[in-house]
Protein backbone atom coordinates (compact mmCIF):
# COMPACT_ATOMS: atom_id res chain seq x y z
CA UNK A 1 33.51 -30.68 9.10
CA UNK A 2 29.90 -30.72 10.43
CA UNK A 3 27.25 -31.58 7.89
CA UNK A 4 23.78 -30.05 7.84
CA UNK A 5 21.04 -32.66 7.74
CA UNK A 6 17.66 -31.43 6.60
CA UNK A 7 15.38 -34.10 7.92
CA UNK A 8 12.00 -32.46 7.46
CA UNK A 9 10.50 -29.46 5.71
CA UNK A 10 7.08 -27.90 6.21
CA UNK A 11 6.15 -25.64 3.29
CA UNK A 12 2.95 -23.65 3.04
CA UNK A 13 1.37 -23.42 -0.42
CA UNK A 14 0.98 -19.79 -1.44
CA UNK A 15 -2.21 -20.57 -3.34
CA UNK A 16 -3.85 -22.38 -0.43
CA UNK A 17 -4.89 -21.32 3.03
CA UNK A 18 -2.24 -23.44 4.79
CA UNK A 19 -0.04 -20.52 5.76
CA UNK A 20 -3.04 -18.56 6.96
CA UNK A 21 -4.35 -21.45 9.02
CA UNK A 22 -0.96 -22.05 10.63
CA UNK A 23 -0.10 -18.44 11.34
CA UNK A 24 -3.61 -17.63 12.54
CA UNK A 25 -3.04 -19.83 15.59
CA UNK A 26 -0.34 -17.43 16.73
CA UNK A 27 -2.57 -14.39 16.61
CA UNK A 28 -4.25 -15.55 19.77
CA UNK A 29 -1.14 -14.39 21.66
CA UNK A 30 -0.26 -10.99 20.11
CA UNK A 31 -2.79 -10.29 17.36
CA UNK A 32 -1.78 -6.70 16.59
CA UNK A 33 2.00 -6.94 16.37
CA UNK A 34 2.15 -7.28 12.57
CA UNK A 35 -0.92 -5.51 11.24
CA UNK A 36 0.20 -5.02 7.64
CA UNK A 37 1.48 -8.58 7.23
CA UNK A 38 -1.75 -10.03 8.51
CA UNK A 39 -4.19 -7.89 6.54
CA UNK A 40 -2.37 -8.13 3.20
CA UNK A 41 -1.84 -11.87 3.55
CA UNK A 42 -5.40 -12.52 4.70
CA UNK A 43 -7.25 -10.84 1.81
CA UNK A 44 -10.07 -13.09 0.69
CA UNK A 45 -10.09 -14.98 3.98
CA UNK A 46 -12.66 -15.07 6.76
CA UNK A 47 -11.85 -15.84 10.38
CA UNK A 48 -13.87 -17.09 13.30
CA UNK A 49 -12.07 -16.94 16.62
CA UNK A 50 -12.66 -19.64 19.21
CA UNK A 51 -11.04 -19.92 22.66
CA UNK A 52 -8.23 -22.17 21.49
CA UNK A 53 -8.03 -21.68 17.74
CA UNK A 54 -8.98 -19.60 14.72
CA UNK A 55 -11.20 -21.19 12.06
CA UNK A 56 -10.31 -20.00 8.57
CA UNK A 57 -12.29 -20.10 5.33
CA UNK A 58 -12.02 -18.51 1.89
CA UNK A 59 -9.18 -18.23 -0.63
CA UNK A 60 -6.15 -15.95 -0.11
CA UNK A 61 -5.68 -13.39 -2.89
CA UNK A 62 -2.96 -11.25 -1.31
CA UNK A 63 0.01 -13.46 -2.28
CA UNK A 64 1.42 -14.47 -5.65
CA UNK A 65 4.40 -16.37 -7.07
CA UNK A 66 7.19 -14.69 -9.08
CA UNK A 67 10.02 -16.39 -10.93
CA UNK A 68 12.73 -13.76 -10.73
CA UNK A 69 14.17 -12.06 -7.62
CA UNK A 70 13.78 -8.74 -9.44
CA UNK A 71 10.15 -8.54 -10.46
CA UNK A 72 8.65 -5.77 -12.57
CA UNK A 73 5.09 -4.62 -12.98
CA UNK A 74 3.33 -2.17 -15.21
CA UNK A 75 2.30 0.98 -13.37
CA UNK A 76 -1.43 1.47 -13.84
CA UNK A 77 -1.31 5.25 -13.71
CA UNK A 78 -4.49 7.30 -13.60
CA UNK A 79 -4.33 10.19 -16.04
CA UNK A 80 -5.08 13.62 -14.69
CA UNK A 81 -8.01 15.58 -16.14
CA UNK A 82 -6.25 18.89 -15.53
CA UNK A 83 -3.34 20.82 -17.05
CA UNK A 84 -2.09 24.32 -16.31
CA UNK A 85 -1.00 27.30 -18.39
CA UNK A 86 2.79 27.22 -18.69
CA UNK A 87 3.82 30.68 -19.88
CA UNK A 88 5.11 33.25 -17.38
CA UNK A 89 3.77 36.28 -19.30
CA UNK A 90 0.27 34.84 -19.64
CA UNK A 91 -2.04 35.39 -22.63
CA UNK A 92 -4.55 38.02 -23.64
CA UNK A 93 -8.17 37.21 -24.38
CA UNK A 94 -7.59 36.76 -28.12
CA UNK A 95 -4.63 34.33 -27.93
CA UNK A 96 -5.36 31.01 -29.66
CA UNK A 97 -1.98 29.25 -29.24
CA UNK A 98 -1.46 28.30 -25.60
CA UNK A 99 1.36 26.35 -23.97
CA UNK A 100 0.29 24.02 -21.15
CA UNK A 101 2.07 21.80 -18.63
CA UNK A 102 1.35 18.49 -20.40
CA UNK A 103 -0.18 18.45 -23.85
CA UNK A 104 -0.19 14.65 -23.92
CA UNK A 105 -3.18 14.70 -21.57
CA UNK A 106 -5.33 16.82 -23.89
CA UNK A 107 -7.26 15.05 -26.68
CA UNK A 108 -8.08 16.73 -29.97
CA UNK A 109 -11.43 18.60 -29.90
CA UNK A 110 -11.49 18.56 -26.09
CA UNK A 111 -13.68 21.15 -24.42
CA UNK A 112 -11.78 22.85 -21.60
CA UNK A 113 -13.26 24.75 -18.68
CA UNK A 114 -11.19 27.45 -16.97
CA UNK A 115 -12.42 27.77 -13.35
CA UNK A 116 -10.87 31.18 -12.59
CA UNK A 117 -12.60 32.98 -15.46
CA UNK A 118 -15.51 30.68 -16.31
CA UNK A 119 -14.44 30.56 -19.96
CA UNK A 120 -14.84 27.42 -22.07
CA UNK A 121 -12.46 26.80 -24.96
CA UNK A 122 -12.29 24.08 -27.65
CA UNK A 123 -9.03 22.44 -28.74
CA UNK A 124 -8.63 22.08 -32.50
CA UNK A 125 -5.11 20.60 -32.47
CA UNK A 126 -2.29 19.63 -30.14
CA UNK A 127 1.42 19.86 -30.95
CA UNK A 128 3.64 18.74 -28.09
CA UNK A 129 2.55 21.04 -25.22
CA UNK A 130 1.00 23.71 -27.44
CA UNK A 131 -2.77 23.82 -27.85
CA UNK A 132 -4.50 25.57 -30.73
CA UNK A 133 -7.89 26.62 -29.43
CA UNK A 134 -11.10 28.51 -30.14
CA UNK A 135 -11.87 30.98 -27.36
CA UNK A 136 -15.16 31.85 -25.68
CA UNK A 137 -17.13 28.74 -26.62
CA UNK A 138 -20.61 27.80 -25.32
CA UNK A 139 -21.67 31.39 -24.79
CA UNK A 140 -18.77 32.18 -22.44
CA UNK A 141 -16.56 35.29 -22.62
CA UNK A 142 -12.88 35.06 -23.51
CA UNK A 143 -10.63 36.42 -20.75
CA UNK A 144 -6.91 36.91 -20.21
CA UNK A 145 -4.99 33.90 -18.91
CA UNK A 146 -2.21 33.93 -16.31
CA UNK A 147 0.62 31.50 -15.69
CA UNK A 148 -0.63 28.53 -13.67
CA UNK A 149 -4.31 28.86 -14.62
CA UNK A 150 -6.02 25.48 -14.36
CA UNK A 151 -7.56 23.93 -17.45
CA UNK A 152 -10.15 21.25 -16.63
CA UNK A 153 -10.35 18.79 -19.54
CA UNK A 154 -13.89 17.82 -20.54
CA UNK A 155 -15.23 15.49 -23.21
CA UNK A 156 -14.20 16.15 -26.82
CA UNK A 157 -16.82 17.69 -29.10
CA UNK A 158 -16.65 16.28 -32.64
CA UNK A 159 -18.29 17.74 -35.74
CA UNK A 160 -20.69 15.62 -37.77
CA UNK A 161 -19.04 13.23 -40.21
CA UNK A 162 -15.57 14.13 -38.93
CA UNK A 163 -12.55 11.85 -38.73
CA UNK A 164 -11.58 10.37 -35.38
CA UNK A 165 -9.03 12.15 -33.27
CA UNK A 166 -5.35 11.30 -33.09
CA UNK A 167 -4.43 8.15 -31.22
CA UNK A 168 -2.43 8.89 -28.09
CA UNK A 169 0.19 6.42 -26.93
CA UNK A 170 1.21 7.16 -23.34
CA UNK A 171 4.67 5.84 -22.52
CA UNK A 172 4.45 2.55 -20.69
CA UNK A 173 5.94 2.87 -17.21
CA UNK A 174 7.24 0.07 -15.03
CA UNK A 175 8.33 -0.20 -11.45
CA UNK A 176 10.19 -3.03 -9.77
CA UNK A 177 11.08 -4.52 -6.43
CA UNK A 178 13.28 -7.30 -5.13
CA UNK A 179 12.60 -10.44 -3.17
CA UNK A 180 14.51 -10.51 0.11
CA UNK A 181 15.80 -13.69 1.75
CA UNK A 182 14.57 -13.85 5.34
CA UNK A 183 15.58 -16.52 7.86
CA UNK A 184 14.70 -17.01 11.52
CA UNK A 185 16.49 -19.84 13.38
CA UNK A 186 15.11 -21.63 16.43
CA UNK A 187 16.21 -24.55 18.52
CA UNK A 188 16.57 -26.23 21.87
CA UNK A 189 19.39 -27.92 23.72
CA UNK A 190 19.23 -31.60 24.62
CA UNK A 191 19.02 -30.64 28.28
CA UNK A 192 16.06 -28.36 27.65
CA UNK A 193 14.33 -31.06 25.64
CA UNK A 194 14.64 -33.42 28.57
CA UNK A 195 13.37 -30.91 31.12
CA UNK A 196 9.72 -30.95 32.12
CA UNK A 197 8.11 -27.52 32.45
CA UNK A 198 4.97 -26.89 34.45
CA UNK A 199 2.14 -24.50 33.50
CA UNK A 200 4.17 -22.88 30.71
CA UNK A 201 5.67 -25.67 28.69
CA UNK A 202 8.47 -24.53 26.38
CA UNK A 203 9.57 -27.31 24.09
CA UNK A 204 10.84 -27.28 20.56
CA UNK A 205 7.44 -26.69 18.94
CA UNK A 206 6.74 -23.68 21.11
CA UNK A 207 10.13 -22.15 20.30
CA UNK A 208 9.39 -22.80 16.65
CA UNK A 209 6.08 -20.94 16.92
CA UNK A 210 7.70 -18.07 18.83
CA UNK A 211 10.36 -17.77 16.11
CA UNK A 212 7.66 -17.37 13.47
CA UNK A 213 6.02 -14.60 15.50
CA UNK A 214 9.40 -12.85 15.77
CA UNK A 215 10.02 -13.25 12.05
CA UNK A 216 6.64 -11.79 11.11
CA UNK A 217 7.02 -8.82 13.45
CA UNK A 218 10.35 -7.86 11.89
CA UNK A 219 9.04 -8.48 8.38
CA UNK A 220 6.10 -6.19 9.14
CA UNK A 221 8.57 -3.34 9.68
CA UNK A 222 10.30 -4.19 6.41
CA UNK A 223 6.99 -4.11 4.53
CA UNK A 224 6.54 -0.54 5.74
CA UNK A 225 10.02 0.91 5.79
CA UNK A 226 12.23 -1.34 3.69
CA UNK A 227 14.63 0.34 1.26
CA UNK A 228 14.94 -1.21 -2.18
CA UNK A 229 18.58 -2.02 -2.94
CA UNK A 230 20.93 -4.71 -4.17
CA UNK A 231 24.51 -5.54 -3.21
CA UNK A 232 25.99 -7.37 -6.16
CA UNK A 233 29.29 -7.98 -4.36
CA UNK A 234 27.86 -9.69 -1.30
CA UNK A 235 24.85 -10.99 -3.22
CA UNK A 236 21.95 -9.84 -1.07
CA UNK A 237 18.83 -7.90 -1.97
CA UNK A 238 16.58 -5.64 0.11
CA UNK A 239 12.94 -5.17 -0.75
CA UNK A 240 11.34 -1.74 -0.85
CA UNK A 241 8.46 -1.13 1.54
CA UNK A 242 5.07 0.51 1.12
CA UNK A 243 6.28 4.00 2.02
CA UNK A 244 8.79 3.93 -0.83
CA UNK A 245 6.10 3.38 -3.45
CA UNK A 246 3.29 5.76 -2.48
CA UNK A 247 3.06 8.69 -4.89
CA UNK A 248 4.88 11.73 -3.46
CA UNK A 249 1.96 13.94 -4.49
CA UNK A 250 -0.38 11.99 -2.21
CA UNK A 251 1.22 13.14 1.05
CA UNK A 252 -0.41 15.74 3.32
CA UNK A 253 1.47 17.43 6.18
CA UNK A 254 -0.63 18.84 9.03
CA UNK A 255 2.25 20.22 11.15
CA UNK A 256 0.93 18.97 14.51
CA UNK A 257 -2.37 20.81 14.07
CA UNK A 258 -4.83 18.26 12.72
CA UNK A 259 -8.48 19.31 12.84
CA UNK A 260 -11.53 17.38 11.77
CA UNK A 261 -11.84 19.70 8.76
CA UNK A 262 -8.24 18.87 7.80
CA UNK A 263 -8.97 15.15 8.06
CA UNK A 264 -12.07 15.46 5.89
CA UNK A 265 -10.01 17.41 3.33
CA UNK A 266 -7.40 14.65 3.37
CA UNK A 267 -10.09 12.03 2.74
CA UNK A 268 -11.52 13.98 -0.19
CA UNK A 269 -8.31 15.20 -1.80
CA UNK A 270 -6.02 12.23 -1.21
CA UNK A 271 -7.45 9.10 0.42
CA UNK A 272 -10.47 8.62 -1.85
CA UNK A 273 -9.37 10.56 -4.93
CA UNK A 274 -8.67 7.32 -6.84
CA UNK A 275 -9.98 3.76 -6.98
CA UNK A 276 -12.11 2.16 -4.27
CA UNK A 277 -14.32 4.00 -1.80
CA UNK A 278 -13.39 1.62 1.00
CA UNK A 279 -9.79 1.55 2.16
CA UNK A 280 -7.71 0.77 5.24
CA UNK A 281 -6.09 3.43 7.42
CA UNK A 282 -3.05 2.16 9.35
CA UNK A 283 -2.08 4.60 12.08
CA UNK A 284 -0.25 5.06 15.33
CA UNK A 285 -2.17 5.74 18.51
CA UNK A 286 -1.82 9.52 18.15
CA UNK A 287 -3.96 9.74 15.00
CA UNK A 288 -6.43 7.07 16.12
CA UNK A 289 -7.11 8.92 19.36
CA UNK A 290 -7.79 12.07 17.34
CA UNK A 291 -10.29 10.23 15.15
CA UNK A 292 -11.89 8.63 18.22
CA UNK A 293 -12.45 12.13 19.57
CA UNK A 294 -14.42 13.12 16.45
CA UNK A 295 -16.29 9.85 16.04
CA UNK A 296 -20.01 10.00 16.59
CA UNK A 297 -22.61 7.27 16.47
CA UNK A 298 -23.40 8.07 12.84
CA UNK A 299 -19.73 7.77 11.82
CA UNK A 300 -19.37 4.17 13.01
CA UNK A 301 -20.96 1.53 10.81
CA UNK A 302 -23.41 -0.51 12.82
CA UNK A 303 -22.83 -3.62 10.73
CA UNK A 304 -19.06 -3.56 11.18
CA UNK A 305 -18.33 -1.73 14.38
CA UNK A 306 -15.44 -3.68 15.86
CA UNK A 307 -14.39 -6.84 14.05
CA UNK A 308 -11.73 -9.42 14.65
CA UNK A 309 -10.05 -9.70 11.26
CA UNK A 310 -7.20 -12.17 11.48
CA UNK A 311 -7.02 -11.36 15.18
CA UNK A 312 -7.08 -7.57 14.67
CA UNK A 313 -9.63 -5.08 15.96
CA UNK A 314 -10.90 -3.13 12.95
CA UNK A 315 -13.24 -0.17 13.33
CA UNK A 316 -15.04 1.10 10.24
CA UNK A 317 -15.33 4.88 10.07
CA UNK A 318 -17.72 6.53 7.62
CA UNK A 319 -16.73 9.77 5.89
CA UNK A 320 -18.59 11.70 3.20
CA UNK A 321 -16.18 10.37 0.61
CA UNK A 322 -15.77 6.71 1.56
CA UNK A 323 -15.26 4.26 4.39
CA UNK A 324 -11.98 3.85 6.28
CA UNK A 325 -11.24 0.64 8.16
CA UNK A 326 -9.07 1.89 11.04
CA UNK A 327 -6.23 -0.36 12.23
CA UNK A 328 -3.70 0.37 14.94
CA UNK A 329 -0.14 -0.17 13.70
CA UNK A 330 2.13 -0.46 16.77
CA UNK A 331 5.21 -0.34 14.53
CA UNK A 332 4.48 3.35 13.97
CA UNK A 333 4.34 4.08 17.69
CA UNK A 334 7.89 2.77 18.09
CA UNK A 335 9.27 5.40 15.70
CA UNK A 336 9.34 8.61 17.76
CA UNK A 337 12.41 10.48 16.50
CA UNK A 338 13.21 12.31 13.27
CA UNK A 339 11.86 15.35 11.47
CA UNK A 340 8.49 13.68 10.84
CA UNK A 341 8.56 10.38 12.76
CA UNK A 342 6.29 7.50 11.88
CA UNK A 343 4.30 7.83 15.09
CA UNK A 344 2.77 10.98 13.53
CA UNK A 345 1.68 9.05 10.40
CA UNK A 346 -1.52 7.63 9.06
CA UNK A 347 -1.26 5.58 5.85
CA UNK A 348 -4.32 4.84 3.73
CA UNK A 349 -3.96 1.74 1.57
CA UNK A 350 -6.19 0.09 -0.99
CA UNK A 351 -5.29 -3.44 0.07
CA UNK A 352 -6.62 -4.95 -3.16
CA UNK A 353 -3.64 -3.29 -4.90
CA UNK A 354 -0.96 -4.78 -2.62
CA UNK A 355 0.52 -8.23 -3.20
CA UNK A 356 3.10 -10.29 -1.36
CA UNK A 357 5.38 -11.76 -4.04
CA UNK A 358 7.03 -15.05 -3.12
CA UNK A 359 9.89 -16.34 -5.23
CA UNK A 360 8.81 -19.71 -6.58
CA UNK A 361 11.30 -21.53 -4.36
CA UNK A 362 10.92 -19.16 -1.42
CA UNK A 363 7.41 -19.69 -0.07
CA UNK A 364 7.47 -19.59 3.73
CA UNK A 365 8.64 -22.90 5.10
CA UNK A 366 10.07 -24.48 8.26
CA UNK A 367 13.27 -26.52 7.96
CA UNK A 368 13.62 -28.78 11.00
CA UNK A 369 16.60 -30.82 12.21
CA UNK A 370 19.27 -28.85 10.37
CA UNK A 371 21.70 -28.95 13.30
CA UNK A 372 25.32 -29.97 12.79
CA UNK A 373 25.91 -33.66 13.41
CA UNK A 374 27.84 -33.02 16.63
CA UNK A 375 25.48 -30.39 18.11
CA UNK A 376 24.06 -31.37 21.51
CA UNK A 377 20.55 -30.25 20.69
CA UNK A 378 18.06 -29.64 17.93
CA UNK A 379 17.91 -26.74 15.45
CA UNK A 380 15.53 -25.49 12.78
CA UNK A 381 14.75 -22.32 10.87
CA UNK A 382 11.93 -20.48 9.17
CA UNK A 383 12.90 -19.45 5.65
CA UNK A 384 11.24 -17.40 2.93
CA UNK A 385 12.14 -15.15 0.02
CA UNK A 386 9.53 -12.53 -0.71
CA UNK A 387 8.90 -8.96 -1.81
CA UNK A 388 6.03 -6.53 -2.13
CA UNK A 389 4.18 -5.08 -5.12
CA UNK A 390 2.26 -1.82 -4.76
CA UNK A 391 0.08 -1.06 -7.76
CA UNK A 392 -1.62 2.26 -8.68
CA UNK A 393 0.57 4.40 -6.48
CA UNK A 394 -1.90 7.29 -6.48
CA UNK A 395 -4.56 5.09 -4.89
CA UNK A 396 -2.73 5.22 -1.55
CA UNK A 397 -2.10 8.25 0.64
CA UNK A 398 -0.20 9.51 3.69
CA UNK A 399 -1.19 12.04 6.32
CA UNK A 400 1.67 12.97 8.64
CA UNK A 401 2.78 15.42 11.28
CA UNK A 402 -0.22 14.62 13.50
């Protein structure tokens, strides 16, 4: 029976820039074929492109090691500062016991502003979802409440020499993902190895590099659209992609009628509602051409107009609410069928909250000379086991139906 002989292994340290330096050489050929892979993996790195190479400096912060193929993380949720009235019959202006959608969000002694009526109320106690309140505070007039009225939670107002409020213990929430084993073989026959090519030399090393490009392109699709699952019978795991982890409430449909006003609303309501005021918008050509049509000189940052980041053209677009680094994602353009196909999408990500998670023994590596003993040629493979962590799911957003 043939025996596999592993003669040499090239492994890239996840905490060094080796993988970035090696992969960056390949971006000279097709720099935009794996936009998400490159930008997540190159966080903390700086690149200077020369005719025949890419010089790399900095320290990568977009990749981490895990020690279990199922890795969990605490969800850093951002508490809402709003609740709504949850009683179909509503309340009259003298009611002081009011049921809301989520009493756990309301601290004792909170002042609450009611936008529809202008009334301010003060909470004296909270029991489950029932608030006991004083109506018409701060010189406002008590008014009837209807089901669904918004309560905007403001700072508590304590009396002098009072005891502190009740401690609230929100339930700790976790999410998880899996590492997925990914392999990409490459090789060359003995005849091919002995053949001299002119102008476009093939060779084993070139096939090896081409295999890595192919692997990264396919992995880029998995990072977007992977479905988290595990098959315990056949013992394989699939990692979930970005689209699986973005909060469902942070999705805006524009039904093929996107205007500049709609886009500005999306930026205010969804894209920049949480966390950083500079994020990355990955989009197909349809959305980018729309944005290009609106772009004016004042919208494009003069200090970062068009950059080569890890071989990618990145245009920085200024909105009233934050800055979007626009990146073309060709993977989206390939997806043209379905109710709302990906080529109608734009996905805003806070890249600082995304991490590639390598299993400790699965950092990207090349295994060379693994051919069977009687094979008339040479064989190798790229191998890695990795997943993706998406933290603060409300910090990312989707606009679709463009």
